[in-house]
Amino acid sequence: MLFFDLGIAGFIAFLITATLAFAYHEFAHAIIADRLGDYTPRSYGRITLNPFVHLDLFGMLMLILAGFGWATTPVNPNNLRGNPRTSYAIVALAGPVANLIMAIIFAIPIRLGLAAPSPGFGIGSFELPSFFQFCLIGVQINLLLFAFNLMPIPPLDGFTILMGILPPEMAYRLTPLRQYGTIILLVVIFLLPHIGLDVLGWFVRPVFNVVLPVLVG
């Protein structure tokens, strides 16, 4: 990933902003599900701004060690009001939208000139990120999660959103793919690039090329 070549200061900034990005992505799922009538997230204590409640320990460890992690929110689509597929798609969309909002928030100090490019600073032999590094990496990680989660493959949010907008018969035919979601995702990320199919890049690169310059100038 692009965050691990920034030294100690960059990695600290990545760790903090990734924690917030993952946590509030899941919080967005939880709060929208709760508003739509599914109180499963509430029963698990997920209606809170405490970021650590929303994290998956193993998923975060994998993020640190392998650059690929996850977090989850317990949602029962059968409890949602209205059309279950549509309501579940709205819950799914809330996560990426939260990441886009966070990217904008992190970008504001850069756009206003409050976070000027500068290296990290040291306390003894320990290097801390500058405010600019913190904000820029916050923008990057949230844009990455925004684009990544909109990929229409299980178990990502994009697949649930796709199921909510497809005709019922087509959605029904594609639903069994959910049980193979983890395998499909691993193939897309780790195997297909080796045969020249950078599916992840197809979604992430346009977002970084178009949205990142708009946000940070």
Protein backbone atom coordinates (compact mmCIF):
# COMPACT_ATOMS: atom_id res chain seq x y z
CA MET A 1 0.00 0.00 0.00
CA LEU A 2 1.03 3.59 -0.56
CA PHE A 3 1.16 4.36 3.16
CA PHE A 4 3.96 2.08 4.24
CA ASP A 5 6.80 3.87 2.47
CA LEU A 6 6.38 7.08 4.50
CA GLY A 7 8.55 6.11 7.44
CA ILE A 8 7.60 5.95 11.09
CA ALA A 9 5.72 9.26 11.10
CA GLY A 10 3.68 8.29 8.06
CA PHE A 11 2.86 4.91 9.53
CA ILE A 12 1.65 6.50 12.78
CA ALA A 13 -0.58 8.84 10.78
CA PHE A 14 -1.84 5.90 8.74
CA LEU A 15 -2.62 3.85 11.86
CA ILE A 16 -4.61 6.65 13.49
CA THR A 17 -6.53 7.68 10.39
CA ALA A 18 -7.20 4.08 9.34
CA THR A 19 -8.64 3.36 12.79
CA LEU A 20 -11.00 6.32 12.43
CA ALA A 21 -11.84 5.48 8.81
CA PHE A 22 -12.73 1.86 9.55
CA ALA A 23 -14.58 2.68 12.77
CA TYR A 24 -16.82 5.43 11.45
CA HIS A 25 -17.49 3.52 8.25
CA GLU A 26 -19.00 0.84 10.48
CA PHE A 27 -20.71 3.41 12.70
CA ALA A 28 -22.47 4.77 9.61
CA HIS A 29 -23.78 1.28 8.80
CA ALA A 30 -24.95 0.88 12.38
CA ILE A 31 -26.72 4.23 12.74
CA ILE A 32 -28.55 3.95 9.40
CA ALA A 33 -29.62 0.36 10.12
CA ASP A 34 -30.90 1.53 13.49
CA ARG A 35 -32.87 4.37 11.88
CA LEU A 36 -34.38 1.91 9.39
CA GLY A 37 -35.67 -0.38 12.12
CA ASP A 38 -32.92 -2.95 12.65
CA TYR A 39 -31.79 -2.69 16.26
CA THR A 40 -29.17 -5.42 15.95
CA PRO A 41 -26.27 -2.92 15.94
CA ARG A 42 -27.76 -1.23 19.02
CA SER A 43 -27.98 -4.58 20.83
CA TYR A 44 -24.25 -5.02 20.17
CA GLY A 45 -23.45 -1.56 21.52
CA ARG A 46 -22.53 -0.14 18.10
CA ILE A 47 -24.52 3.10 18.33
CA THR A 48 -21.54 4.99 19.71
CA LEU A 49 -18.81 7.31 18.46
CA ASN A 50 -16.21 5.33 20.42
CA PRO A 51 -14.07 4.10 17.50
CA PHE A 52 -12.68 1.06 19.27
CA VAL A 53 -16.12 -0.53 19.68
CA HIS A 54 -16.43 -0.82 15.89
CA LEU A 55 -13.06 -2.42 15.15
CA ASP A 56 -12.30 -6.06 14.47
CA LEU A 57 -9.04 -6.91 16.24
CA PHE A 58 -7.86 -9.50 13.72
CA GLY A 59 -8.94 -7.30 10.82
CA MET A 60 -6.89 -4.39 12.15
CA LEU A 61 -3.87 -6.62 12.78
CA MET A 62 -4.06 -7.80 9.17
CA LEU A 63 -4.28 -4.18 8.03
CA ILE A 64 -1.08 -3.37 9.91
CA LEU A 65 0.81 -6.50 8.88
CA ALA A 66 -0.48 -7.10 5.37
CA GLY A 67 -2.07 -3.83 4.26
CA PHE A 68 -5.46 -5.54 3.94
CA GLY A 69 -7.96 -5.41 6.78
CA TRP A 70 -11.64 -5.23 7.65
CA ALA A 71 -14.24 -4.39 10.25
CA THR A 72 -17.85 -5.55 10.51
CA THR A 73 -21.24 -4.38 11.72
CA PRO A 74 -23.97 -6.85 12.75
CA VAL A 75 -27.01 -6.03 10.60
CA ASN A 76 -30.11 -8.16 9.99
CA PRO A 77 -31.69 -6.99 6.72
CA ASN A 78 -34.89 -8.85 7.56
CA ASN A 79 -35.54 -6.31 10.32
CA LEU A 80 -35.25 -3.27 8.04
CA ARG A 81 -38.37 -1.33 7.14
CA GLY A 82 -39.57 -1.19 3.53
CA ASN A 83 -38.14 -3.30 0.74
CA PRO A 84 -35.38 -5.38 2.39
CA ARG A 85 -33.05 -5.19 -0.64
CA THR A 86 -33.44 -1.43 -1.01
CA SER A 87 -33.11 -0.73 2.69
CA TYR A 88 -30.06 -2.98 2.96
CA ALA A 89 -28.52 -1.16 0.00
CA ILE A 90 -29.03 2.16 1.80
CA VAL A 91 -27.33 0.75 4.90
CA ALA A 92 -24.45 -0.47 2.74
CA LEU A 93 -24.08 2.88 0.97
CA ALA A 94 -23.80 4.69 4.30
CA GLY A 95 -20.32 3.27 4.92
CA PRO A 96 -18.60 4.56 1.76
CA VAL A 97 -20.44 7.88 2.07
CA ALA A 98 -19.05 8.23 5.60
CA ASN A 99 -15.53 7.69 4.23
CA LEU A 100 -16.08 10.34 1.56
CA ILE A 101 -17.28 12.80 4.19
CA MET A 102 -14.22 12.04 6.34
CA ALA A 103 -11.93 12.56 3.33
CA ILE A 104 -13.50 15.98 2.84
CA ILE A 105 -13.06 16.82 6.53
CA PHE A 106 -9.38 15.83 6.45
CA ALA A 107 -8.91 17.88 3.27
CA ILE A 108 -10.35 21.12 4.67
CA PRO A 109 -7.19 22.15 6.61
CA ILE A 110 -5.08 21.50 3.50
CA ARG A 111 -7.37 23.53 1.25
CA LEU A 112 -7.46 26.40 3.77
CA GLY A 113 -3.67 26.42 4.09
CA LEU A 114 -3.81 25.42 7.74
CA ALA A 115 -1.81 22.25 7.02
CA ALA A 116 1.23 23.16 4.92
CA PRO A 117 3.60 20.48 3.54
CA SER A 118 6.22 19.66 6.15
CA PRO A 119 8.08 16.62 7.43
CA GLY A 120 7.31 14.92 10.69
CA PHE A 121 9.00 16.04 13.85
CA GLY A 122 10.93 14.06 16.42
CA ILE A 123 10.68 13.65 20.15
CA GLY A 124 14.06 12.19 20.96
CA SER A 125 14.45 9.30 18.55
CA PHE A 126 10.69 9.00 18.05
CA GLU A 127 9.23 10.67 14.96
CA LEU A 128 5.67 11.99 14.92
CA PRO A 129 3.69 12.97 11.83
CA SER A 130 3.14 16.60 10.95
CA PHE A 131 -0.40 17.97 10.75
CA PHE A 132 -0.07 17.96 6.96
CA GLN A 133 0.96 14.30 6.86
CA PHE A 134 -1.89 13.40 9.16
CA CYS A 135 -4.48 15.24 7.03
CA LEU A 136 -3.14 14.01 3.68
CA ILE A 137 -3.04 10.37 4.73
CA GLY A 138 -6.50 10.82 6.26
CA VAL A 139 -7.75 11.94 2.86
CA GLN A 140 -5.99 9.07 1.09
CA ILE A 141 -7.13 6.23 3.35
CA ASN A 142 -10.74 7.41 3.32
CA LEU A 143 -10.78 7.79 -0.47
CA LEU A 144 -9.29 4.32 -0.74
CA LEU A 145 -12.00 2.83 1.46
CA PHE A 146 -14.67 4.82 -0.36
CA ALA A 147 -13.63 3.47 -3.77
CA PHE A 148 -12.73 -0.03 -2.58
CA ASN A 149 -16.03 -0.64 -0.81
CA LEU A 150 -18.04 0.46 -3.83
CA MET A 151 -16.61 -2.40 -5.90
CA PRO A 152 -19.65 -4.57 -6.80
CA ILE A 153 -18.23 -7.84 -5.54
CA PRO A 154 -19.11 -9.71 -2.36
CA PRO A 155 -18.64 -9.19 0.52
CA LEU A 156 -18.13 -5.47 -0.15
CA ASP A 157 -20.80 -2.80 0.22
CA GLY A 158 -20.89 -2.32 -3.54
CA PHE A 159 -22.33 -5.80 -4.01
CA THR A 160 -25.14 -5.11 -1.54
CA ILE A 161 -25.85 -1.81 -3.28
CA LEU A 162 -25.91 -3.63 -6.62
CA MET A 163 -28.38 -6.17 -5.23
CA GLY A 164 -30.63 -3.29 -4.20
CA ILE A 165 -30.85 -1.74 -7.65
CA LEU A 166 -30.91 -4.81 -9.90
CA PRO A 167 -34.21 -6.37 -11.00
CA PRO A 168 -35.36 -8.90 -8.38
CA GLU A 169 -34.82 -11.95 -10.59
CA MET A 170 -31.24 -10.97 -11.45
CA ALA A 171 -30.48 -10.12 -7.83
CA TYR A 172 -31.83 -13.52 -6.80
CA ARG A 173 -29.52 -15.27 -9.27
CA LEU A 174 -26.46 -13.38 -7.99
CA THR A 175 -27.23 -13.73 -4.27
CA PRO A 176 -25.49 -17.15 -3.92
CA LEU A 177 -22.19 -15.41 -4.71
CA ARG A 178 -22.24 -14.02 -1.15
CA GLN A 179 -21.17 -17.39 0.28
CA TYR A 180 -18.00 -17.22 -1.82
CA GLY A 181 -17.38 -13.55 -1.09
CA THR A 182 -14.09 -13.89 0.77
CA ILE A 183 -12.61 -16.15 -1.90
CA ILE A 184 -13.76 -13.85 -4.71
CA LEU A 185 -12.31 -10.82 -2.95
CA LEU A 186 -8.95 -12.46 -2.35
CA VAL A 187 -8.78 -13.53 -6.00
CA VAL A 188 -9.57 -10.00 -7.18
CA ILE A 189 -6.96 -8.41 -4.94
CA PHE A 190 -4.10 -10.88 -4.96
CA LEU A 191 -4.46 -13.19 -7.97
CA LEU A 192 -5.95 -11.23 -10.87
CA PRO A 193 -3.24 -8.51 -10.85
CA HIS A 194 -0.67 -11.22 -11.63
CA ILE A 195 -2.46 -11.99 -14.91
CA GLY A 196 -2.86 -8.35 -15.85
CA LEU A 197 -6.37 -7.69 -14.48
CA ASP A 198 -6.04 -4.90 -11.94
CA VAL A 199 -9.71 -4.79 -10.93
CA LEU A 200 -8.91 -2.90 -7.74
CA GLY A 201 -7.05 -0.27 -9.74
CA TRP A 202 -10.01 0.17 -12.07
CA PHE A 203 -12.05 1.48 -9.15
CA VAL A 204 -9.45 3.13 -6.94
CA ARG A 205 -7.27 4.89 -9.53
CA PRO A 206 -10.05 7.04 -11.07
CA VAL A 207 -11.12 8.21 -7.61
CA PHE A 208 -7.57 9.20 -6.70
CA ASN A 209 -6.95 10.83 -10.09
CA VAL A 210 -10.17 12.86 -10.05
CA VAL A 211 -11.31 13.36 -6.46
CA LEU A 212 -7.96 13.72 -4.65
CA PRO A 213 -6.85 16.82 -6.65
CA VAL A 214 -10.27 18.39 -6.06
CA LEU A 215 -10.00 17.87 -2.32
CA VAL A 216 -6.40 18.88 -1.66
CA GLY A 217 -5.66 21.11 -4.69
